[in-house]
């Protein structure tokens, strides 16, 4: 049900590929990351989670929504300086 949610959040935030979706939601909540979590920050995070899930499910319901989410994530990855994807030369496969 949440396949693609973490990737969608990463693209939305523009960073955080190494974070889990609960942490990404807290970063995207009004006020951003708060540690230790206060009652106000917790409420903001829950409200943000509800809003983000609604937007994510809307995106997934579009034609080829999940495919688009993963393509957008792949496009985001390729713009990162640290991301290098190299394939083996044909004569190296054996």
C-alpha atoms as a PDB file:
ATOM      1  CA  UNK A   1       0.000   0.000   0.000  1.00  0.00           C
ATOM      2  CA  UNK A   2       2.876   2.377   0.716  1.00  0.00           C
ATOM      3  CA  UNK A   3       5.131   1.187  -2.111  1.00  0.00           C
ATOM      4  CA  UNK A   4       6.789   4.306  -3.499  1.00  0.00           C
ATOM      5  CA  UNK A   5       5.899   6.524  -0.527  1.00  0.00           C
ATOM      6  CA  UNK A   6       9.491   6.937   0.676  1.00  0.00           C
ATOM      7  CA  UNK A   7      10.692   7.676  -2.854  1.00  0.00           C
ATOM      8  CA  UNK A   8       7.869  10.169  -3.401  1.00  0.00           C
ATOM      9  CA  UNK A   9       8.781  11.937  -0.150  1.00  0.00           C
ATOM     10  CA  UNK A  10      12.472  12.088  -1.102  1.00  0.00           C
ATOM     11  CA  UNK A  11      11.662  13.743  -4.430  1.00  0.00           C
ATOM     12  CA  UNK A  12       9.293  16.138  -2.679  1.00  0.00           C
ATOM     13  CA  UNK A  13      11.905  17.097  -0.089  1.00  0.00           C
ATOM     14  CA  UNK A  14      14.820  17.043  -2.517  1.00  0.00           C
ATOM     15  CA  UNK A  15      17.003  15.022  -0.171  1.00  0.00           C
ATOM     16  CA  UNK A  16      16.873  12.246   2.377  1.00  0.00           C
ATOM     17  CA  UNK A  17      17.179   9.083   0.290  1.00  0.00           C
ATOM     18  CA  UNK A  18      18.765   7.416   3.314  1.00  0.00           C
ATOM     19  CA  UNK A  19      15.884   8.269   5.662  1.00  0.00           C
ATOM     20  CA  UNK A  20      12.761   6.252   6.418  1.00  0.00           C
ATOM     21  CA  UNK A  21       9.374   7.685   5.555  1.00  0.00           C
ATOM     22  CA  UNK A  22       8.436   8.513   9.187  1.00  0.00           C
ATOM     23  CA  UNK A  23      11.569  10.673   9.473  1.00  0.00           C
ATOM     24  CA  UNK A  24      10.915  12.295   6.087  1.00  0.00           C
ATOM     25  CA  UNK A  25       7.380  13.168   7.193  1.00  0.00           C
ATOM     26  CA  UNK A  26       8.751  14.842  10.311  1.00  0.00           C
ATOM     27  CA  UNK A  27      11.156  16.871   8.168  1.00  0.00           C
ATOM     28  CA  UNK A  28       8.301  17.901   5.863  1.00  0.00           C
ATOM     29  CA  UNK A  29       5.988  18.886   8.719  1.00  0.00           C
ATOM     30  CA  UNK A  30       5.602  22.595   9.524  1.00  0.00           C
ATOM     31  CA  UNK A  31       8.522  23.520  11.732  1.00  0.00           C
ATOM     32  CA  UNK A  32      10.618  20.689  10.295  1.00  0.00           C
ATOM     33  CA  UNK A  33      12.582  18.227  12.404  1.00  0.00           C
ATOM     34  CA  UNK A  34      12.179  18.802  16.135  1.00  0.00           C
ATOM     35  CA  UNK A  35      14.124  16.718  18.646  1.00  0.00           C
ATOM     36  CA  UNK A  36      13.096  15.824  21.195  1.00  0.00           C
ATOM     37  CA  UNK A  37       9.586  15.616  19.804  1.00  0.00           C
ATOM     38  CA  UNK A  38       7.260  18.072  21.526  1.00  0.00           C
ATOM     39  CA  UNK A  39       3.485  17.720  21.713  1.00  0.00           C
ATOM     40  CA  UNK A  40       3.107  20.552  19.191  1.00  0.00           C
ATOM     41  CA  UNK A  41       5.643  18.992  16.793  1.00  0.00           C
ATOM     42  CA  UNK A  42       3.947  15.607  17.156  1.00  0.00           C
ATOM     43  CA  UNK A  43       0.588  17.110  16.240  1.00  0.00           C
ATOM     44  CA  UNK A  44       2.147  18.899  13.261  1.00  0.00           C
ATOM     45  CA  UNK A  45       3.784  15.640  12.109  1.00  0.00           C
ATOM     46  CA  UNK A  46       0.516  13.688  12.320  1.00  0.00           C
ATOM     47  CA  UNK A  47      -1.299  16.421  10.411  1.00  0.00           C
ATOM     48  CA  UNK A  48       1.479  16.457   7.797  1.00  0.00           C
ATOM     49  CA  UNK A  49       1.339  12.651   7.506  1.00  0.00           C
ATOM     50  CA  UNK A  50      -2.395  12.781   6.817  1.00  0.00           C
ATOM     51  CA  UNK A  51      -1.958  15.483   4.158  1.00  0.00           C
ATOM     52  CA  UNK A  52       1.039  13.781   2.539  1.00  0.00           C
ATOM     53  CA  UNK A  53      -0.695  10.403   2.394  1.00  0.00           C
ATOM     54  CA  UNK A  54      -3.666  12.011   0.662  1.00  0.00           C
ATOM     55  CA  UNK A  55      -1.399  13.649  -1.913  1.00  0.00           C
ATOM     56  CA  UNK A  56       0.594  10.439  -2.378  1.00  0.00           C
ATOM     57  CA  UNK A  57      -2.524   8.318  -2.940  1.00  0.00           C
ATOM     58  CA  UNK A  58      -3.811  10.916  -5.418  1.00  0.00           C
ATOM     59  CA  UNK A  59      -0.504  10.647  -7.311  1.00  0.00           C
ATOM     60  CA  UNK A  60      -0.622   6.836  -7.242  1.00  0.00           C
ATOM     61  CA  UNK A  61      -4.176   6.759  -8.606  1.00  0.00           C
ATOM     62  CA  UNK A  62      -3.138   8.673 -11.725  1.00  0.00           C
ATOM     63  CA  UNK A  63      -2.513   6.708 -14.905  1.00  0.00           C
ATOM     64  CA  UNK A  64       0.853   4.971 -14.401  1.00  0.00           C
ATOM     65  CA  UNK A  65       1.109   6.756 -11.047  1.00  0.00           C
ATOM     66  CA  UNK A  66       3.433   4.322  -9.318  1.00  0.00           C
ATOM     67  CA  UNK A  67       5.631   4.054 -12.398  1.00  0.00           C
ATOM     68  CA  UNK A  68       5.836   7.846 -12.579  1.00  0.00           C
ATOM     69  CA  UNK A  69       6.783   8.029  -8.894  1.00  0.00           C
ATOM     70  CA  UNK A  70       9.685   5.632  -9.423  1.00  0.00           C
ATOM     71  CA  UNK A  71      10.771   7.368 -12.649  1.00  0.00           C
ATOM     72  CA  UNK A  72      10.779  10.723 -10.842  1.00  0.00           C
ATOM     73  CA  UNK A  73      12.865   9.159  -8.082  1.00  0.00           C
ATOM     74  CA  UNK A  74      15.301   7.704 -10.623  1.00  0.00           C
ATOM     75  CA  UNK A  75      15.565  11.112 -12.300  1.00  0.00           C
ATOM     76  CA  UNK A  76      16.238  12.712  -8.915  1.00  0.00           C
ATOM     77  CA  UNK A  77      18.920  10.103  -8.173  1.00  0.00           C
ATOM     78  CA  UNK A  78      20.765  10.822 -11.405  1.00  0.00           C
ATOM     79  CA  UNK A  79      21.037  14.520 -10.483  1.00  0.00           C
ATOM     80  CA  UNK A  80      22.903  13.716  -7.271  1.00  0.00           C
ATOM     81  CA  UNK A  81      26.675  14.193  -7.394  1.00  0.00           C
ATOM     82  CA  UNK A  82      27.202  11.078  -5.246  1.00  0.00           C
ATOM     83  CA  UNK A  83      25.136   8.843  -7.517  1.00  0.00           C
ATOM     84  CA  UNK A  84      27.128   6.856 -10.037  1.00  0.00           C
ATOM     85  CA  UNK A  85      25.544   4.000 -11.935  1.00  0.00           C
ATOM     86  CA  UNK A  86      27.953   2.202 -14.166  1.00  0.00           C
ATOM     87  CA  UNK A  87      27.308  -0.894 -16.214  1.00  0.00           C
ATOM     88  CA  UNK A  88      29.907  -3.512 -17.024  1.00  0.00           C
ATOM     89  CA  UNK A  89      31.496  -3.452 -20.436  1.00  0.00           C
ATOM     90  CA  UNK A  90      30.075  -6.246 -22.654  1.00  0.00           C
ATOM     91  CA  UNK A  91      33.409  -8.104 -22.632  1.00  0.00           C
ATOM     92  CA  UNK A  92      33.470  -8.031 -18.803  1.00  0.00           C
ATOM     93  CA  UNK A  93      30.271 -10.013 -18.455  1.00  0.00           C
ATOM     94  CA  UNK A  94      30.942 -13.667 -18.317  1.00  0.00           C
END
